[in-house]
N, C-alpha and C. Protein backbone atom coordinates (compact mmCIF):
# COMPACT_ATOMS: atom_id res chain seq x y z
N MET A 1 -0.10 -19.08 -15.58
CA MET A 1 -0.05 -19.80 -14.33
C MET A 1 -1.46 -20.03 -13.68
N THR A 2 -1.67 -21.13 -13.21
CA THR A 2 -3.00 -21.63 -12.44
C THR A 2 -2.97 -21.11 -11.18
N PRO A 3 -4.10 -20.14 -10.91
CA PRO A 3 -4.12 -19.76 -9.57
C PRO A 3 -4.31 -20.81 -8.39
N PRO A 4 -3.68 -20.64 -7.33
CA PRO A 4 -3.45 -21.70 -6.22
C PRO A 4 -4.88 -21.84 -5.69
N PRO A 5 -5.32 -23.18 -5.16
CA PRO A 5 -6.60 -23.30 -4.64
C PRO A 5 -6.95 -22.36 -3.32
N LEU A 6 -8.11 -21.84 -3.36
CA LEU A 6 -8.50 -20.90 -2.31
C LEU A 6 -8.59 -21.45 -0.93
N ASP A 7 -8.57 -23.00 -0.72
CA ASP A 7 -8.66 -23.27 0.48
C ASP A 7 -7.29 -23.72 1.17
N THR A 8 -6.25 -23.40 0.42
CA THR A 8 -4.75 -23.49 1.04
C THR A 8 -4.57 -22.13 1.69
N PRO A 9 -4.12 -22.19 3.03
CA PRO A 9 -3.84 -20.88 3.77
C PRO A 9 -2.56 -20.22 3.09
N ALA A 10 -2.83 -18.83 3.15
CA ALA A 10 -1.79 -17.72 2.71
C ALA A 10 -0.77 -17.89 3.73
N ALA A 11 0.41 -17.72 3.37
CA ALA A 11 1.76 -17.40 4.26
C ALA A 11 2.26 -15.93 4.07
N ILE A 12 2.58 -15.18 4.95
CA ILE A 12 3.11 -14.10 4.77
C ILE A 12 4.85 -14.14 4.98
N ARG A 13 5.44 -13.61 4.07
CA ARG A 13 6.96 -13.70 4.08
C ARG A 13 7.60 -12.37 3.23
N PRO A 14 8.83 -12.28 3.53
CA PRO A 14 9.35 -11.12 2.86
C PRO A 14 9.50 -11.46 1.32
N ALA A 15 9.43 -10.34 0.60
CA ALA A 15 9.34 -10.22 -0.83
C ALA A 15 10.82 -10.81 -1.29
N THR A 16 10.88 -11.39 -2.45
CA THR A 16 12.27 -11.65 -2.87
C THR A 16 12.21 -11.22 -4.55
N PRO A 17 13.52 -11.29 -5.06
CA PRO A 17 13.53 -10.81 -6.37
C PRO A 17 12.78 -11.68 -7.28
N ALA A 18 12.31 -12.93 -6.97
CA ALA A 18 11.44 -13.58 -7.81
C ALA A 18 10.13 -12.99 -7.78
N ASP A 19 9.76 -12.39 -6.78
CA ASP A 19 8.39 -11.80 -6.58
C ASP A 19 8.11 -10.54 -7.32
N ILE A 20 9.08 -10.03 -7.99
CA ILE A 20 9.03 -8.61 -8.46
C ILE A 20 8.10 -8.48 -9.79
N PRO A 21 7.97 -9.43 -10.56
CA PRO A 21 6.85 -9.33 -11.67
C PRO A 21 5.56 -9.40 -11.16
N ALA A 22 5.14 -10.13 -10.03
CA ALA A 22 4.06 -9.97 -9.49
C ALA A 22 3.63 -8.71 -8.56
N LEU A 23 4.82 -8.15 -8.23
CA LEU A 23 4.57 -6.83 -7.46
C LEU A 23 4.33 -5.96 -8.43
N GLY A 24 5.00 -5.75 -9.53
CA GLY A 24 4.72 -4.90 -10.62
C GLY A 24 3.02 -5.02 -11.06
N ARG A 25 2.74 -6.11 -11.13
CA ARG A 25 1.40 -6.41 -11.66
C ARG A 25 0.29 -5.70 -10.61
N LEU A 26 0.65 -6.08 -9.30
CA LEU A 26 -0.11 -5.75 -8.26
C LEU A 26 -0.04 -4.14 -8.18
N GLY A 27 1.06 -3.74 -8.23
CA GLY A 27 1.24 -2.08 -8.36
C GLY A 27 0.59 -1.29 -9.25
N ALA A 28 0.44 -2.01 -10.39
CA ALA A 28 -0.32 -1.33 -11.50
C ALA A 28 -1.72 -1.50 -11.31
N LEU A 29 -2.18 -2.50 -10.60
CA LEU A 29 -3.55 -2.72 -9.97
C LEU A 29 -3.88 -1.49 -9.31
N LEU A 30 -3.00 -1.38 -8.22
CA LEU A 30 -3.17 -0.20 -7.36
C LEU A 30 -3.34 1.07 -7.94
N VAL A 31 -2.58 1.45 -8.62
CA VAL A 31 -2.47 2.64 -9.57
C VAL A 31 -3.88 2.69 -10.40
N ARG A 32 -4.32 1.80 -11.03
CA ARG A 32 -5.60 1.76 -11.84
C ARG A 32 -6.75 2.01 -10.81
N MET A 33 -6.65 1.31 -9.56
CA MET A 33 -7.81 1.42 -8.63
C MET A 33 -7.95 2.84 -8.12
N HIS A 34 -6.90 3.36 -7.78
CA HIS A 34 -6.96 4.73 -7.24
C HIS A 34 -7.23 5.67 -8.34
N HIS A 35 -6.79 5.55 -9.55
CA HIS A 35 -7.35 6.46 -10.61
C HIS A 35 -8.85 6.39 -10.71
N ASP A 36 -9.25 5.11 -10.72
CA ASP A 36 -10.70 5.05 -11.01
C ASP A 36 -11.55 5.73 -9.72
N LEU A 37 -10.97 5.68 -8.56
CA LEU A 37 -11.70 6.43 -7.40
C LEU A 37 -11.66 7.81 -7.73
N ASP A 38 -10.50 8.67 -8.14
CA ASP A 38 -10.53 9.73 -8.35
C ASP A 38 -9.39 10.15 -9.26
N PRO A 39 -9.85 10.36 -10.69
CA PRO A 39 -8.96 10.58 -11.82
C PRO A 39 -8.31 11.85 -11.76
N ALA A 40 -8.67 12.92 -11.12
CA ALA A 40 -8.17 14.26 -11.07
C ALA A 40 -7.16 14.16 -9.93
N ARG A 41 -7.07 13.32 -8.94
CA ARG A 41 -6.16 13.17 -7.96
C ARG A 41 -4.96 12.34 -8.33
N PHE A 42 -5.41 11.14 -8.87
CA PHE A 42 -4.33 9.90 -8.92
C PHE A 42 -3.83 9.72 -10.40
N ILE A 43 -2.82 9.45 -10.52
CA ILE A 43 -2.23 9.37 -12.06
C ILE A 43 -2.94 8.03 -12.62
N ALA A 44 -2.90 7.93 -13.92
CA ALA A 44 -3.39 7.01 -14.64
C ALA A 44 -2.24 5.99 -14.96
N ALA A 45 -2.61 4.60 -14.96
CA ALA A 45 -1.79 3.53 -15.52
C ALA A 45 -1.52 3.71 -16.94
N THR A 46 -0.28 3.26 -17.48
CA THR A 46 0.04 3.39 -18.68
C THR A 46 0.48 1.98 -18.93
N SER A 47 1.03 1.94 -20.42
CA SER A 47 1.58 0.57 -20.68
C SER A 47 2.81 0.28 -19.95
N GLN A 48 3.46 1.38 -19.32
CA GLN A 48 4.68 1.15 -18.74
C GLN A 48 4.61 0.99 -17.13
N THR A 49 3.42 1.18 -16.57
CA THR A 49 3.19 1.13 -15.12
C THR A 49 3.71 0.08 -14.40
N GLU A 50 3.25 -1.27 -15.05
CA GLU A 50 3.76 -2.37 -14.48
C GLU A 50 5.36 -2.64 -14.33
N GLN A 51 5.97 -2.24 -15.40
CA GLN A 51 7.45 -2.37 -15.58
C GLN A 51 7.98 -1.39 -14.59
N ALA A 52 7.49 -0.18 -14.61
CA ALA A 52 8.06 0.92 -13.66
C ALA A 52 7.72 0.59 -12.23
N TYR A 53 6.63 0.01 -11.77
CA TYR A 53 6.47 -0.29 -10.44
C TYR A 53 7.36 -1.48 -10.08
N ASP A 54 7.45 -2.55 -10.89
CA ASP A 54 8.35 -3.50 -10.40
C ASP A 54 9.94 -3.11 -10.36
N SER A 55 10.23 -2.26 -11.24
CA SER A 55 11.45 -1.83 -11.08
C SER A 55 11.74 -0.84 -9.86
N PHE A 56 10.73 -0.17 -9.60
CA PHE A 56 10.79 0.72 -8.25
C PHE A 56 10.93 -0.21 -7.09
N LEU A 57 10.04 -1.07 -6.98
CA LEU A 57 9.88 -1.97 -5.79
C LEU A 57 10.99 -2.88 -5.63
N GLY A 58 11.68 -3.50 -6.77
CA GLY A 58 12.85 -4.22 -6.88
C GLY A 58 14.00 -3.43 -6.35
N ALA A 59 14.06 -2.08 -6.40
CA ALA A 59 15.18 -1.22 -5.92
C ALA A 59 14.95 -1.05 -4.50
N GLN A 60 13.85 -1.23 -3.89
CA GLN A 60 13.57 -0.96 -2.56
C GLN A 60 13.92 -2.23 -1.66
N LEU A 61 13.74 -3.29 -2.17
CA LEU A 61 14.00 -4.63 -1.54
C LEU A 61 15.33 -4.71 -0.74
N GLU A 62 16.50 -4.08 -1.05
CA GLU A 62 17.74 -4.25 -0.35
C GLU A 62 17.82 -2.97 0.73
N LYS A 63 16.95 -2.11 0.67
CA LYS A 63 17.10 -1.06 1.58
C LYS A 63 16.67 -1.46 3.07
N PRO A 64 17.63 -1.29 4.02
CA PRO A 64 17.39 -1.80 5.52
C PRO A 64 16.13 -1.22 6.18
N HIS A 65 15.78 -0.01 5.87
CA HIS A 65 14.67 0.62 6.57
C HIS A 65 13.16 0.22 5.82
N VAL A 66 13.17 -0.48 4.78
CA VAL A 66 12.22 -0.83 3.87
C VAL A 66 11.60 -2.07 4.28
N VAL A 67 10.40 -2.46 4.36
CA VAL A 67 9.73 -3.85 4.45
C VAL A 67 8.87 -4.06 3.37
N ILE A 68 9.15 -5.20 2.65
CA ILE A 68 8.01 -5.45 1.53
C ILE A 68 7.89 -6.94 1.83
N LEU A 69 6.55 -7.09 2.11
CA LEU A 69 5.95 -8.52 2.41
C LEU A 69 5.10 -9.17 1.43
N VAL A 70 4.92 -10.32 1.20
CA VAL A 70 3.96 -10.71 0.29
C VAL A 70 3.14 -11.84 0.93
N ALA A 71 1.94 -11.94 0.57
CA ALA A 71 1.15 -13.05 0.86
C ALA A 71 1.22 -14.11 -0.19
N ASP A 72 1.55 -15.23 0.12
CA ASP A 72 2.02 -16.26 -0.75
C ASP A 72 1.26 -17.60 -0.46
N ARG A 73 0.60 -18.17 -1.49
CA ARG A 73 -0.09 -19.44 -1.44
C ARG A 73 0.45 -20.42 -2.52
N ASN A 74 1.15 -21.23 -2.17
CA ASN A 74 1.56 -22.29 -3.17
C ASN A 74 2.51 -21.60 -4.19
N GLY A 75 3.30 -20.60 -3.74
CA GLY A 75 4.17 -19.94 -4.67
C GLY A 75 3.50 -18.85 -5.49
N GLY A 76 2.25 -18.56 -5.37
CA GLY A 76 1.53 -17.49 -6.06
C GLY A 76 1.45 -16.39 -5.15
N VAL A 77 1.66 -15.11 -5.63
CA VAL A 77 1.57 -14.05 -4.62
C VAL A 77 0.19 -13.33 -4.93
N LEU A 78 -0.49 -13.50 -3.75
CA LEU A 78 -1.75 -12.88 -3.52
C LEU A 78 -1.88 -11.26 -3.34
N GLY A 79 -0.90 -10.87 -2.59
CA GLY A 79 -0.97 -9.46 -2.35
C GLY A 79 0.42 -9.00 -1.72
N TYR A 80 0.65 -7.77 -1.58
CA TYR A 80 1.87 -7.12 -0.99
C TYR A 80 1.76 -6.07 -0.08
N SER A 81 2.54 -5.78 0.76
CA SER A 81 2.74 -4.47 1.50
C SER A 81 4.15 -4.01 1.34
N TYR A 82 4.21 -2.67 1.34
CA TYR A 82 5.44 -2.01 1.16
C TYR A 82 5.34 -0.79 2.30
N SER A 83 6.43 -0.89 3.14
CA SER A 83 6.36 -0.01 4.22
C SER A 83 7.72 0.36 4.57
N GLY A 84 8.09 1.43 5.36
CA GLY A 84 9.48 1.64 5.68
C GLY A 84 9.30 2.52 7.09
N ALA A 85 10.59 2.31 7.64
CA ALA A 85 10.61 3.05 9.05
C ALA A 85 11.46 4.47 8.66
N GLU A 86 10.76 5.45 9.05
CA GLU A 86 11.40 6.93 8.78
C GLU A 86 11.64 7.63 10.10
N GLY A 87 12.46 8.52 10.01
CA GLY A 87 12.73 9.43 11.29
C GLY A 87 11.71 10.55 11.15
N HIS A 88 12.20 11.63 11.88
CA HIS A 88 11.23 12.82 12.10
C HIS A 88 10.96 13.27 10.64
N ASP A 89 9.71 13.96 10.55
CA ASP A 89 9.44 14.54 9.36
C ASP A 89 8.70 15.85 9.53
N TYR A 90 9.35 16.91 9.49
CA TYR A 90 8.92 18.15 9.82
C TYR A 90 7.71 18.60 8.85
N MET A 91 7.74 18.08 7.52
CA MET A 91 6.52 18.37 6.69
C MET A 91 5.33 17.92 7.17
N SER A 92 5.31 16.67 7.64
CA SER A 92 4.07 16.17 8.25
C SER A 92 3.94 16.26 9.79
N LEU A 93 4.88 17.04 10.50
CA LEU A 93 4.94 17.35 11.81
C LEU A 93 4.71 16.03 12.62
N ARG A 94 5.67 15.12 12.37
CA ARG A 94 5.65 13.90 13.25
C ARG A 94 7.01 13.38 13.34
N GLY A 95 7.13 12.69 14.75
CA GLY A 95 8.42 12.07 14.87
C GLY A 95 8.51 10.79 14.17
N PRO A 96 9.52 9.98 14.51
CA PRO A 96 9.92 8.72 13.79
C PRO A 96 8.51 7.88 13.81
N ALA A 97 8.50 7.04 12.74
CA ALA A 97 7.25 6.42 12.59
C ALA A 97 7.53 5.22 11.49
N GLY A 98 6.62 4.27 11.45
CA GLY A 98 6.70 3.53 10.32
C GLY A 98 5.56 3.99 9.37
N VAL A 99 5.92 3.95 8.03
CA VAL A 99 4.79 4.38 7.06
C VAL A 99 4.46 3.39 6.23
N LEU A 100 3.16 3.09 6.04
CA LEU A 100 2.70 2.08 5.18
C LEU A 100 2.34 2.74 3.94
N TYR A 101 3.13 2.42 2.84
CA TYR A 101 3.24 3.24 1.52
C TYR A 101 1.98 2.57 0.63
N ASP A 102 2.08 1.09 0.54
CA ASP A 102 1.18 0.42 -0.29
C ASP A 102 0.59 -0.84 0.51
N ILE A 103 -0.50 -1.29 0.23
CA ILE A 103 -1.02 -2.60 0.65
C ILE A 103 -2.03 -2.94 -0.36
N VAL A 104 -2.00 -4.11 -1.00
CA VAL A 104 -2.87 -4.40 -2.04
C VAL A 104 -2.83 -5.90 -2.04
N VAL A 105 -4.21 -6.41 -2.32
CA VAL A 105 -4.56 -7.85 -2.56
C VAL A 105 -5.33 -8.03 -3.80
N ALA A 106 -4.84 -9.01 -4.67
CA ALA A 106 -5.41 -9.30 -5.91
C ALA A 106 -6.95 -9.48 -5.69
N PRO A 107 -7.89 -8.78 -6.44
CA PRO A 107 -9.32 -8.96 -6.36
C PRO A 107 -9.79 -10.36 -5.94
N ALA A 108 -9.54 -11.49 -6.53
CA ALA A 108 -9.88 -12.61 -6.22
C ALA A 108 -9.58 -13.08 -4.83
N HIS A 109 -8.74 -12.67 -4.18
CA HIS A 109 -8.40 -13.02 -2.94
C HIS A 109 -8.89 -12.05 -1.81
N ARG A 110 -9.65 -10.98 -2.24
CA ARG A 110 -10.14 -10.11 -0.98
C ARG A 110 -11.24 -10.66 -0.19
N GLY A 111 -11.30 -10.25 0.89
CA GLY A 111 -12.60 -10.64 1.62
C GLY A 111 -12.28 -11.85 2.43
N ASN A 112 -10.86 -12.43 2.31
CA ASN A 112 -10.71 -13.79 2.98
C ASN A 112 -9.61 -13.66 4.04
N GLY A 113 -9.35 -12.38 4.44
CA GLY A 113 -8.31 -12.06 5.57
C GLY A 113 -7.01 -11.96 5.29
N VAL A 114 -6.64 -12.03 3.78
CA VAL A 114 -5.16 -12.06 3.34
C VAL A 114 -4.93 -10.46 3.61
N GLY A 115 -5.65 -9.50 3.42
CA GLY A 115 -5.20 -8.09 3.75
C GLY A 115 -4.88 -7.86 5.22
N ARG A 116 -5.76 -8.47 6.08
CA ARG A 116 -5.53 -8.20 7.36
C ARG A 116 -4.22 -9.07 7.92
N MET A 117 -3.94 -10.28 7.26
CA MET A 117 -2.66 -10.85 7.49
C MET A 117 -1.62 -10.07 7.13
N LEU A 118 -1.46 -9.52 5.94
CA LEU A 118 -0.38 -8.51 5.42
C LEU A 118 -0.31 -7.44 6.36
N LEU A 119 -1.39 -6.76 6.74
CA LEU A 119 -1.35 -5.77 7.64
C LEU A 119 -0.70 -5.88 9.03
N ASP A 120 -1.22 -7.05 9.66
CA ASP A 120 -0.60 -7.48 11.00
C ASP A 120 0.94 -7.77 10.89
N ALA A 121 1.23 -8.55 9.80
CA ALA A 121 2.67 -8.81 9.59
C ALA A 121 3.50 -7.63 9.46
N THR A 122 2.93 -6.60 8.76
CA THR A 122 3.63 -5.27 8.50
C THR A 122 3.89 -4.67 9.76
N LEU A 123 2.87 -4.58 10.56
CA LEU A 123 2.93 -3.83 11.80
C LEU A 123 3.94 -4.53 12.65
N ALA A 124 3.87 -5.76 12.80
CA ALA A 124 4.95 -6.42 13.48
C ALA A 124 6.37 -6.36 13.16
N ALA A 125 6.56 -6.37 11.86
CA ALA A 125 7.99 -5.92 11.23
C ALA A 125 8.24 -4.51 11.39
N LEU A 126 7.44 -3.76 11.45
CA LEU A 126 7.90 -2.24 11.74
C LEU A 126 8.10 -2.11 13.25
N GLU A 127 7.40 -2.71 14.07
CA GLU A 127 7.51 -2.54 15.59
C GLU A 127 8.83 -3.30 15.86
N ALA A 128 9.33 -4.45 15.27
CA ALA A 128 10.42 -5.07 15.45
C ALA A 128 11.72 -4.00 15.16
N ARG A 129 11.44 -3.05 14.14
CA ARG A 129 12.39 -2.26 13.75
C ARG A 129 12.38 -0.93 14.83
N GLY A 130 11.68 -1.00 15.69
CA GLY A 130 11.67 -0.06 16.84
C GLY A 130 10.80 1.34 16.52
N VAL A 131 9.84 1.22 15.64
CA VAL A 131 9.13 2.56 15.35
C VAL A 131 7.99 2.49 16.41
N PRO A 132 7.59 3.63 16.75
CA PRO A 132 6.44 3.86 17.91
C PRO A 132 5.17 3.71 17.44
N ARG A 133 5.03 4.10 16.10
CA ARG A 133 3.64 4.18 15.43
C ARG A 133 3.85 4.02 14.01
N VAL A 134 2.67 3.65 13.50
CA VAL A 134 2.82 3.50 12.09
C VAL A 134 1.44 4.63 11.43
N VAL A 135 1.88 5.19 10.45
CA VAL A 135 0.98 6.09 9.77
C VAL A 135 0.85 5.54 8.24
N LEU A 136 -0.39 6.09 7.78
CA LEU A 136 -0.56 5.70 6.27
C LEU A 136 -1.64 6.69 5.74
N SER A 137 -1.61 6.64 4.59
CA SER A 137 -2.84 7.54 3.85
C SER A 137 -3.71 6.51 2.94
N THR A 138 -4.98 6.92 2.94
CA THR A 138 -5.97 6.06 2.12
C THR A 138 -6.75 7.13 1.20
N ALA A 139 -7.14 6.61 0.21
CA ALA A 139 -7.94 7.35 -0.70
C ALA A 139 -9.28 7.52 0.08
N GLU A 140 -9.90 8.78 -0.05
CA GLU A 140 -11.08 9.10 0.66
C GLU A 140 -12.35 8.18 0.32
N ARG A 141 -12.29 7.57 -0.99
CA ARG A 141 -13.52 6.85 -1.32
C ARG A 141 -13.03 5.24 -1.09
N ASN A 142 -11.97 4.91 -0.62
CA ASN A 142 -11.59 3.43 -0.38
C ASN A 142 -12.09 2.98 1.07
N GLU A 143 -13.27 2.81 1.21
CA GLU A 143 -14.05 2.55 2.39
C GLU A 143 -13.47 1.21 2.84
N ALA A 144 -13.42 0.24 2.14
CA ALA A 144 -13.04 -1.12 2.46
C ALA A 144 -11.66 -0.86 3.15
N ALA A 145 -10.80 -0.40 2.73
CA ALA A 145 -9.50 -0.19 3.32
C ALA A 145 -9.59 0.56 4.70
N GLN A 146 -10.38 1.53 4.65
CA GLN A 146 -10.43 2.39 5.95
C GLN A 146 -11.05 1.65 7.01
N ARG A 147 -11.96 0.58 6.55
CA ARG A 147 -12.46 -0.40 7.60
C ARG A 147 -11.42 -1.25 8.20
N LEU A 148 -10.70 -1.88 7.20
CA LEU A 148 -9.59 -2.61 7.70
C LEU A 148 -8.65 -2.12 8.64
N PHE A 149 -8.19 -0.72 8.14
CA PHE A 149 -7.34 -0.09 9.12
C PHE A 149 -7.94 0.29 10.54
N ALA A 150 -9.22 0.66 10.58
CA ALA A 150 -9.81 1.11 11.82
C ALA A 150 -9.95 -0.25 12.77
N ARG A 151 -10.08 -1.38 12.11
CA ARG A 151 -10.18 -2.66 12.93
C ARG A 151 -8.94 -2.85 13.25
N ALA A 152 -7.94 -2.67 12.74
CA ALA A 152 -6.42 -2.74 13.32
C ALA A 152 -6.00 -1.88 14.16
N GLY A 153 -6.65 -0.77 14.62
CA GLY A 153 -6.41 0.26 15.38
C GLY A 153 -5.98 1.54 14.98
N PHE A 154 -6.11 1.73 13.69
CA PHE A 154 -5.59 2.97 13.19
C PHE A 154 -6.78 4.03 13.49
N ARG A 155 -6.48 5.38 13.76
CA ARG A 155 -7.35 6.22 13.89
C ARG A 155 -7.11 7.50 12.85
N ARG A 156 -8.04 8.32 12.47
CA ARG A 156 -7.98 9.35 11.65
C ARG A 156 -7.08 10.49 12.40
N THR A 157 -6.02 11.09 11.66
CA THR A 157 -5.31 12.05 12.40
C THR A 157 -5.02 13.28 11.25
N MET A 158 -5.05 13.08 9.89
CA MET A 158 -4.98 13.95 8.93
C MET A 158 -6.08 13.76 7.86
N LEU A 159 -6.14 14.98 7.22
CA LEU A 159 -7.06 14.85 5.98
C LEU A 159 -6.43 15.66 4.84
N GLU A 160 -6.10 14.97 3.72
CA GLU A 160 -5.52 15.55 2.54
C GLU A 160 -6.53 16.30 1.77
N MET A 161 -6.48 17.50 1.33
CA MET A 161 -7.39 18.32 0.55
C MET A 161 -6.78 18.73 -0.81
N THR A 162 -7.38 18.60 -2.06
CA THR A 162 -6.78 18.90 -3.26
C THR A 162 -7.58 19.98 -3.90
N CYS A 163 -6.91 21.00 -4.38
CA CYS A 163 -7.39 21.99 -5.15
C CYS A 163 -6.84 22.04 -6.58
N GLU A 164 -7.72 21.83 -7.72
CA GLU A 164 -7.30 21.79 -8.88
C GLU A 164 -6.92 23.38 -9.47
N LEU A 165 -5.80 23.62 -9.96
CA LEU A 165 -5.46 24.89 -10.29
C LEU A 165 -5.71 25.16 -11.72
N ASP A 166 -7.11 25.06 -12.28
CA ASP A 166 -7.39 25.22 -13.53
C ASP A 166 -8.36 26.25 -13.85
N GLY A 167 -8.28 27.35 -12.96
CA GLY A 167 -9.05 28.69 -13.27
C GLY A 167 -10.41 28.56 -12.76
N ARG A 168 -11.01 27.30 -12.15
CA ARG A 168 -12.39 27.13 -11.67
C ARG A 168 -12.53 27.19 -10.36
N ARG A 169 -11.57 27.78 -9.70
CA ARG A 169 -11.92 27.76 -8.24
C ARG A 169 -12.87 28.97 -7.81
N PRO A 170 -13.55 28.68 -6.70
CA PRO A 170 -14.54 29.68 -6.39
C PRO A 170 -13.74 30.92 -5.88
N PRO A 171 -14.66 32.10 -6.33
CA PRO A 171 -14.07 33.44 -5.62
C PRO A 171 -13.82 33.46 -4.17
N THR A 172 -12.68 34.21 -3.67
CA THR A 172 -12.49 34.39 -2.26
C THR A 172 -13.58 35.21 -1.69
N SER A 173 -13.90 34.87 -0.45
CA SER A 173 -15.00 35.62 0.28
C SER A 173 -14.30 36.59 1.36
N GLU A 174 -14.83 37.74 1.48
CA GLU A 174 -14.10 38.76 2.44
C GLU A 174 -14.86 38.53 3.77
């Protein structure tokens, strides 16, 4: 498939079943990107990742609390966001919120405002569902995403820390 011309504006719309193969490819890209950032923390993509991701996201499409949006240019999917409205979560000590699980733009379309368009549309869709706030997690080394989120009004509230249990932990001090 020939990529759409770069001068045509992208449109943000709800994902449809026809978008599932593109979502799988972009989901696999997201997995590879995160694994490259921190192989000890993030899973590696396999030959099954694309199919597993499209199957997973396809099953999410009909859930009423889920929002999956795509950035579309002339029928080509440039990126997607996957989010949902959740209730109280005592494990993360927060009340009801929207949660942005995934947002990814194909590398050829980054830096052109597509990510911001997806993010803004996602925030609007979650707000329309009545959530009072949106939370997300981002890889420590994904500075471009962190800048995008900060420009959209996100602030740091949590920090995930990981300890590998492989016998190489430092001794405890008294």
